[in-house]
């Protein structure tokens, strides 16, 4: 077991609203194990790669609102904001991976999130 990287706990706090309590528990209890961090980071990336509940609700409500109404525009704005926030978190997760994983596991993370990057 290795020491827990400095940036692990702050990233966990950012991810907590988007992941299950079980994910958070494993992330806290097994943070000293590089392979566990790899699996958790890949899993979090996968979960964040599609629309989350607030985005889905906003998209549905926009679809139900009268076409061109201010209500529809408001729901669309909420959906875009939620998507932008999620994508910013994905970018922070990807940027942090190199410092959170042992050097030998970084290529596995990259391959797992971008299979087309494998040459």
N, C-alpha and C. Protein backbone atom coordinates (compact mmCIF):
# COMPACT_ATOMS: atom_id res chain seq x y z
N UNK A 1 0.84 -1.17 0.00
CA UNK A 1 0.00 0.00 0.00
C UNK A 1 0.89 1.23 0.00
N UNK A 2 0.50 2.22 -0.78
CA UNK A 2 1.26 3.46 -0.88
C UNK A 2 0.51 4.58 -0.16
N UNK A 3 1.19 5.66 0.11
CA UNK A 3 0.49 6.80 0.73
C UNK A 3 -0.59 7.33 -0.21
N UNK A 4 -1.61 7.90 0.37
CA UNK A 4 -2.70 8.49 -0.41
C UNK A 4 -2.20 9.79 -1.03
N UNK A 5 -2.34 9.93 -2.35
CA UNK A 5 -1.89 11.17 -3.00
C UNK A 5 -2.62 12.39 -2.44
N UNK A 6 -1.92 13.48 -2.43
CA UNK A 6 -2.42 14.73 -1.85
C UNK A 6 -3.76 15.17 -2.44
N UNK A 7 -3.96 15.04 -3.73
CA UNK A 7 -5.17 15.53 -4.37
C UNK A 7 -6.36 14.59 -4.32
N UNK A 8 -6.19 13.41 -3.73
CA UNK A 8 -7.26 12.41 -3.74
C UNK A 8 -8.50 12.87 -2.97
N UNK A 9 -8.32 13.31 -1.74
CA UNK A 9 -9.47 13.70 -0.91
C UNK A 9 -10.26 14.87 -1.50
N UNK A 10 -9.61 15.93 -1.98
CA UNK A 10 -10.40 17.01 -2.59
C UNK A 10 -11.19 16.54 -3.82
N UNK A 11 -10.60 15.66 -4.62
CA UNK A 11 -11.32 15.15 -5.78
C UNK A 11 -12.52 14.31 -5.34
N UNK A 12 -12.34 13.50 -4.30
CA UNK A 12 -13.46 12.71 -3.79
C UNK A 12 -14.62 13.59 -3.36
N UNK A 13 -14.30 14.69 -2.71
CA UNK A 13 -15.36 15.60 -2.27
C UNK A 13 -16.11 16.20 -3.46
N UNK A 14 -15.40 16.49 -4.53
CA UNK A 14 -16.06 17.01 -5.74
C UNK A 14 -16.92 15.95 -6.40
N UNK A 15 -16.46 14.70 -6.37
CA UNK A 15 -17.17 13.63 -7.03
C UNK A 15 -18.35 13.10 -6.22
N UNK A 16 -18.31 13.28 -4.91
CA UNK A 16 -19.30 12.68 -4.01
C UNK A 16 -20.76 12.87 -4.47
N UNK A 17 -21.19 14.05 -4.93
CA UNK A 17 -22.58 14.19 -5.36
C UNK A 17 -22.94 13.38 -6.62
N UNK A 18 -21.94 12.92 -7.35
CA UNK A 18 -22.17 12.25 -8.62
C UNK A 18 -22.01 10.74 -8.57
N UNK A 19 -21.51 10.22 -7.47
CA UNK A 19 -21.23 8.79 -7.36
C UNK A 19 -22.02 8.20 -6.20
N UNK A 20 -22.07 6.88 -6.16
CA UNK A 20 -22.84 6.20 -5.11
C UNK A 20 -22.10 6.25 -3.77
N UNK A 21 -22.83 6.07 -2.69
CA UNK A 21 -22.17 5.97 -1.37
C UNK A 21 -21.15 4.83 -1.32
N UNK A 22 -21.45 3.74 -2.01
CA UNK A 22 -20.52 2.60 -2.06
C UNK A 22 -19.21 3.01 -2.74
N UNK A 23 -19.31 3.76 -3.84
CA UNK A 23 -18.13 4.25 -4.54
C UNK A 23 -17.30 5.10 -3.57
N UNK A 24 -17.97 6.03 -2.89
CA UNK A 24 -17.27 6.92 -1.96
C UNK A 24 -16.60 6.15 -0.82
N UNK A 25 -17.30 5.13 -0.33
CA UNK A 25 -16.73 4.32 0.76
C UNK A 25 -15.45 3.62 0.29
N UNK A 26 -15.49 2.98 -0.86
CA UNK A 26 -14.29 2.32 -1.40
C UNK A 26 -13.18 3.33 -1.64
N UNK A 27 -13.54 4.49 -2.16
CA UNK A 27 -12.54 5.52 -2.44
C UNK A 27 -11.85 5.99 -1.17
N UNK A 28 -12.58 6.05 -0.08
CA UNK A 28 -11.99 6.48 1.19
C UNK A 28 -11.21 5.36 1.86
N UNK A 29 -11.79 4.17 1.88
CA UNK A 29 -11.18 3.05 2.60
C UNK A 29 -9.95 2.47 1.91
N UNK A 30 -9.90 2.55 0.59
CA UNK A 30 -8.82 1.88 -0.16
C UNK A 30 -7.97 2.85 -0.97
N UNK A 31 -7.93 4.09 -0.54
CA UNK A 31 -7.22 5.13 -1.29
C UNK A 31 -5.72 4.87 -1.39
N UNK A 32 -5.17 4.06 -0.52
CA UNK A 32 -3.74 3.78 -0.55
C UNK A 32 -3.34 2.75 -1.59
N UNK A 33 -4.30 2.19 -2.30
CA UNK A 33 -4.02 1.16 -3.29
C UNK A 33 -4.20 1.75 -4.70
N UNK A 34 -3.10 1.80 -5.43
CA UNK A 34 -3.11 2.41 -6.76
C UNK A 34 -4.11 1.78 -7.71
N UNK A 35 -4.21 0.44 -7.69
CA UNK A 35 -5.14 -0.24 -8.59
C UNK A 35 -6.58 0.14 -8.27
N UNK A 36 -6.89 0.28 -7.00
CA UNK A 36 -8.24 0.67 -6.60
C UNK A 36 -8.53 2.10 -7.09
N UNK A 37 -7.55 3.00 -6.93
CA UNK A 37 -7.75 4.37 -7.44
C UNK A 37 -7.98 4.36 -8.94
N UNK A 38 -7.23 3.52 -9.66
CA UNK A 38 -7.42 3.42 -11.11
C UNK A 38 -8.85 3.00 -11.44
N UNK A 39 -9.31 1.95 -10.82
CA UNK A 39 -10.65 1.43 -11.09
C UNK A 39 -11.70 2.50 -10.76
N UNK A 40 -11.53 3.16 -9.63
CA UNK A 40 -12.49 4.18 -9.23
C UNK A 40 -12.49 5.38 -10.17
N UNK A 41 -11.31 5.80 -10.62
CA UNK A 41 -11.25 6.93 -11.55
C UNK A 41 -11.88 6.58 -12.89
N UNK A 42 -11.62 5.38 -13.38
CA UNK A 42 -12.23 4.95 -14.64
C UNK A 42 -13.75 4.87 -14.48
N UNK A 43 -14.20 4.32 -13.35
CA UNK A 43 -15.63 4.22 -13.11
C UNK A 43 -16.28 5.60 -13.01
N UNK A 44 -15.67 6.51 -12.29
CA UNK A 44 -16.21 7.86 -12.16
C UNK A 44 -16.26 8.53 -13.53
N UNK A 45 -15.21 8.37 -14.32
CA UNK A 45 -15.19 8.95 -15.67
C UNK A 45 -16.36 8.39 -16.49
N UNK A 46 -16.57 7.09 -16.39
CA UNK A 46 -17.66 6.46 -17.12
C UNK A 46 -19.01 7.02 -16.68
N UNK A 47 -19.21 7.14 -15.38
CA UNK A 47 -20.48 7.67 -14.86
C UNK A 47 -20.72 9.11 -15.30
N UNK A 48 -19.66 9.88 -15.40
CA UNK A 48 -19.78 11.29 -15.75
C UNK A 48 -19.80 11.53 -17.26
N UNK A 49 -19.65 10.47 -18.04
CA UNK A 49 -19.57 10.64 -19.49
C UNK A 49 -20.93 10.85 -20.16
N UNK A 50 -21.99 10.62 -19.43
CA UNK A 50 -23.32 10.84 -19.98
C UNK A 50 -24.10 11.81 -19.11
N UNK A 51 -25.25 12.24 -19.60
CA UNK A 51 -26.07 13.19 -18.83
C UNK A 51 -26.42 12.65 -17.45
N UNK A 52 -26.41 13.52 -16.46
CA UNK A 52 -26.78 13.13 -15.10
C UNK A 52 -28.26 13.49 -14.88
N UNK A 53 -28.76 13.19 -13.70
CA UNK A 53 -30.18 13.38 -13.41
C UNK A 53 -30.63 14.84 -13.62
N UNK A 54 -29.92 15.84 -13.10
CA UNK A 54 -30.39 17.21 -13.34
C UNK A 54 -30.47 17.56 -14.84
N UNK A 55 -29.52 17.06 -15.62
CA UNK A 55 -29.57 17.32 -17.06
C UNK A 55 -30.79 16.65 -17.69
N UNK A 56 -31.06 15.40 -17.31
CA UNK A 56 -32.19 14.66 -17.87
C UNK A 56 -33.51 15.32 -17.50
N UNK A 57 -33.63 15.76 -16.26
CA UNK A 57 -34.85 16.44 -15.83
C UNK A 57 -35.04 17.72 -16.64
N UNK A 58 -33.99 18.50 -16.75
CA UNK A 58 -34.08 19.77 -17.49
C UNK A 58 -34.42 19.52 -18.96
N UNK A 59 -33.80 18.50 -19.57
CA UNK A 59 -34.10 18.19 -20.97
C UNK A 59 -35.56 17.80 -21.13
N UNK A 60 -36.06 16.96 -20.23
CA UNK A 60 -37.45 16.52 -20.31
C UNK A 60 -38.41 17.69 -20.11
N UNK A 61 -38.13 18.51 -19.11
CA UNK A 61 -39.01 19.65 -18.85
C UNK A 61 -38.99 20.63 -20.02
N UNK A 62 -37.84 20.81 -20.64
CA UNK A 62 -37.76 21.68 -21.82
C UNK A 62 -38.60 21.10 -22.96
N UNK A 63 -38.55 19.78 -23.12
CA UNK A 63 -39.35 19.13 -24.17
C UNK A 63 -40.85 19.30 -23.91
N UNK A 64 -41.23 19.34 -22.64
CA UNK A 64 -42.64 19.46 -22.28
C UNK A 64 -43.16 20.90 -22.32
N UNK A 65 -42.24 21.85 -22.25
CA UNK A 65 -42.63 23.26 -22.25
C UNK A 65 -43.05 23.69 -23.66
N UNK A 66 -43.82 24.74 -23.70
CA UNK A 66 -44.27 25.28 -24.99
C UNK A 66 -43.06 25.74 -25.80
N UNK A 67 -43.04 25.36 -27.04
CA UNK A 67 -41.93 25.69 -27.96
C UNK A 67 -41.67 27.18 -27.97
N UNK A 68 -40.43 27.58 -27.73
CA UNK A 68 -40.02 28.97 -27.78
C UNK A 68 -40.38 29.79 -26.56
N UNK A 69 -40.96 29.16 -25.55
CA UNK A 69 -41.38 29.90 -24.36
C UNK A 69 -40.18 30.20 -23.46
N UNK A 70 -40.36 31.16 -22.58
CA UNK A 70 -39.30 31.48 -21.62
C UNK A 70 -39.07 30.30 -20.69
N UNK A 71 -40.13 29.54 -20.42
CA UNK A 71 -39.98 28.34 -19.58
C UNK A 71 -39.03 27.34 -20.26
N UNK A 72 -39.23 27.12 -21.54
CA UNK A 72 -38.37 26.21 -22.28
C UNK A 72 -36.92 26.72 -22.30
N UNK A 73 -36.76 28.01 -22.52
CA UNK A 73 -35.41 28.59 -22.53
C UNK A 73 -34.74 28.44 -21.17
N UNK A 74 -35.52 28.60 -20.09
CA UNK A 74 -34.97 28.43 -18.75
C UNK A 74 -34.52 27.00 -18.49
N UNK A 75 -35.34 26.04 -18.88
CA UNK A 75 -34.94 24.63 -18.71
C UNK A 75 -33.72 24.30 -19.56
N UNK A 76 -33.68 24.84 -20.77
CA UNK A 76 -32.50 24.61 -21.62
C UNK A 76 -31.24 25.20 -20.99
N UNK A 77 -31.39 26.37 -20.38
CA UNK A 77 -30.24 27.00 -19.71
C UNK A 77 -29.78 26.15 -18.53
N UNK A 78 -30.72 25.62 -17.77
CA UNK A 78 -30.37 24.75 -16.63
C UNK A 78 -29.65 23.49 -17.11
N UNK A 79 -30.15 22.92 -18.19
CA UNK A 79 -29.53 21.71 -18.74
C UNK A 79 -28.11 22.00 -19.22
N UNK A 80 -27.92 23.11 -19.90
CA UNK A 80 -26.59 23.47 -20.39
C UNK A 80 -25.63 23.72 -19.24
N UNK A 81 -26.10 24.38 -18.19
CA UNK A 81 -25.25 24.65 -17.02
C UNK A 81 -24.83 23.34 -16.34
N UNK A 82 -25.80 22.43 -16.17
CA UNK A 82 -25.49 21.14 -15.54
C UNK A 82 -24.50 20.35 -16.39
N UNK A 83 -24.68 20.40 -17.72
CA UNK A 83 -23.75 19.70 -18.62
C UNK A 83 -22.35 20.32 -18.53
N UNK A 84 -22.28 21.64 -18.55
CA UNK A 84 -20.99 22.32 -18.47
C UNK A 84 -20.28 22.00 -17.15
N UNK A 85 -21.04 22.01 -16.04
CA UNK A 85 -20.45 21.67 -14.74
C UNK A 85 -19.91 20.25 -14.74
N UNK A 86 -20.68 19.32 -15.31
CA UNK A 86 -20.26 17.91 -15.37
C UNK A 86 -19.00 17.78 -16.23
N UNK A 87 -18.96 18.44 -17.35
CA UNK A 87 -17.80 18.34 -18.24
C UNK A 87 -16.56 18.96 -17.61
N UNK A 88 -16.73 20.03 -16.85
CA UNK A 88 -15.59 20.62 -16.13
C UNK A 88 -15.05 19.64 -15.09
N UNK A 89 -15.94 18.92 -14.43
CA UNK A 89 -15.51 17.93 -13.45
C UNK A 89 -14.78 16.78 -14.13
N UNK A 90 -15.27 16.35 -15.28
CA UNK A 90 -14.59 15.30 -16.04
C UNK A 90 -13.17 15.76 -16.40
N UNK A 91 -13.05 16.99 -16.84
CA UNK A 91 -11.72 17.52 -17.20
C UNK A 91 -10.80 17.56 -15.99
N UNK A 92 -11.32 17.96 -14.82
CA UNK A 92 -10.49 17.96 -13.61
C UNK A 92 -10.07 16.56 -13.22
N UNK A 93 -10.98 15.60 -13.37
CA UNK A 93 -10.67 14.20 -13.05
C UNK A 93 -9.54 13.70 -13.96
N UNK A 94 -9.67 13.95 -15.25
CA UNK A 94 -8.65 13.50 -16.21
C UNK A 94 -7.31 14.18 -15.93
N UNK A 95 -7.35 15.48 -15.68
CA UNK A 95 -6.11 16.21 -15.39
C UNK A 95 -5.44 15.71 -14.11
N UNK A 96 -6.24 15.32 -13.12
CA UNK A 96 -5.69 14.89 -11.83
C UNK A 96 -5.16 13.46 -11.87
N UNK A 97 -5.62 12.67 -12.80
CA UNK A 97 -5.28 11.24 -12.81
C UNK A 97 -3.77 10.99 -12.77
N UNK A 98 -3.01 11.75 -13.50
CA UNK A 98 -1.56 11.53 -13.55
C UNK A 98 -0.91 11.67 -12.17
N UNK A 99 -1.39 12.61 -11.38
CA UNK A 99 -0.79 12.79 -10.05
C UNK A 99 -1.42 11.86 -9.01
N UNK A 100 -2.54 11.24 -9.34
CA UNK A 100 -3.23 10.38 -8.38
C UNK A 100 -2.92 8.90 -8.57
N UNK A 101 -2.33 8.57 -9.71
CA UNK A 101 -2.04 7.16 -10.01
C UNK A 101 -0.55 6.92 -10.07
N UNK A 102 -0.12 5.69 -9.73
CA UNK A 102 1.27 5.34 -9.96
C UNK A 102 1.59 5.45 -11.46
N UNK A 103 2.80 5.83 -11.77
CA UNK A 103 3.21 6.07 -13.15
C UNK A 103 2.83 4.93 -14.10
N UNK A 104 3.00 3.70 -13.64
CA UNK A 104 2.72 2.56 -14.52
C UNK A 104 1.23 2.36 -14.79
N UNK A 105 0.36 2.97 -14.00
CA UNK A 105 -1.08 2.82 -14.21
C UNK A 105 -1.70 3.92 -15.06
N UNK A 106 -0.98 5.01 -15.24
CA UNK A 106 -1.52 6.14 -16.03
C UNK A 106 -1.88 5.69 -17.45
N UNK A 107 -1.03 4.92 -18.16
CA UNK A 107 -1.42 4.48 -19.51
C UNK A 107 -2.70 3.63 -19.51
N UNK A 108 -2.91 2.86 -18.46
CA UNK A 108 -4.14 2.06 -18.37
C UNK A 108 -5.36 2.96 -18.20
N UNK A 109 -5.20 4.03 -17.44
CA UNK A 109 -6.30 4.99 -17.28
C UNK A 109 -6.63 5.61 -18.64
N UNK A 110 -5.61 6.07 -19.33
CA UNK A 110 -5.82 6.71 -20.64
C UNK A 110 -6.48 5.74 -21.60
N UNK A 111 -5.98 4.51 -21.63
CA UNK A 111 -6.55 3.50 -22.53
C UNK A 111 -8.01 3.20 -22.16
N UNK A 112 -8.32 3.23 -20.87
CA UNK A 112 -9.68 2.93 -20.44
C UNK A 112 -10.68 4.03 -20.77
N UNK A 113 -10.22 5.27 -20.74
CA UNK A 113 -11.17 6.36 -21.03
C UNK A 113 -11.18 6.75 -22.49
N UNK A 114 -10.12 6.41 -23.23
CA UNK A 114 -10.03 6.72 -24.65
C UNK A 114 -9.46 5.54 -25.41
N UNK A 115 -10.26 4.50 -25.62
CA UNK A 115 -9.74 3.31 -26.31
C UNK A 115 -9.14 3.61 -27.68
N UNK A 116 -9.63 4.65 -28.35
CA UNK A 116 -9.10 5.00 -29.67
C UNK A 116 -7.70 5.59 -29.58
N UNK A 117 -7.25 5.98 -28.37
CA UNK A 117 -5.92 6.55 -28.21
C UNK A 117 -4.84 5.49 -28.24
N UNK A 118 -5.23 4.24 -28.15
CA UNK A 118 -4.27 3.15 -28.16
C UNK A 118 -3.80 2.93 -29.59
N UNK A 119 -2.47 2.96 -29.76
CA UNK A 119 -1.89 2.89 -31.10
C UNK A 119 -1.66 1.56 -31.64
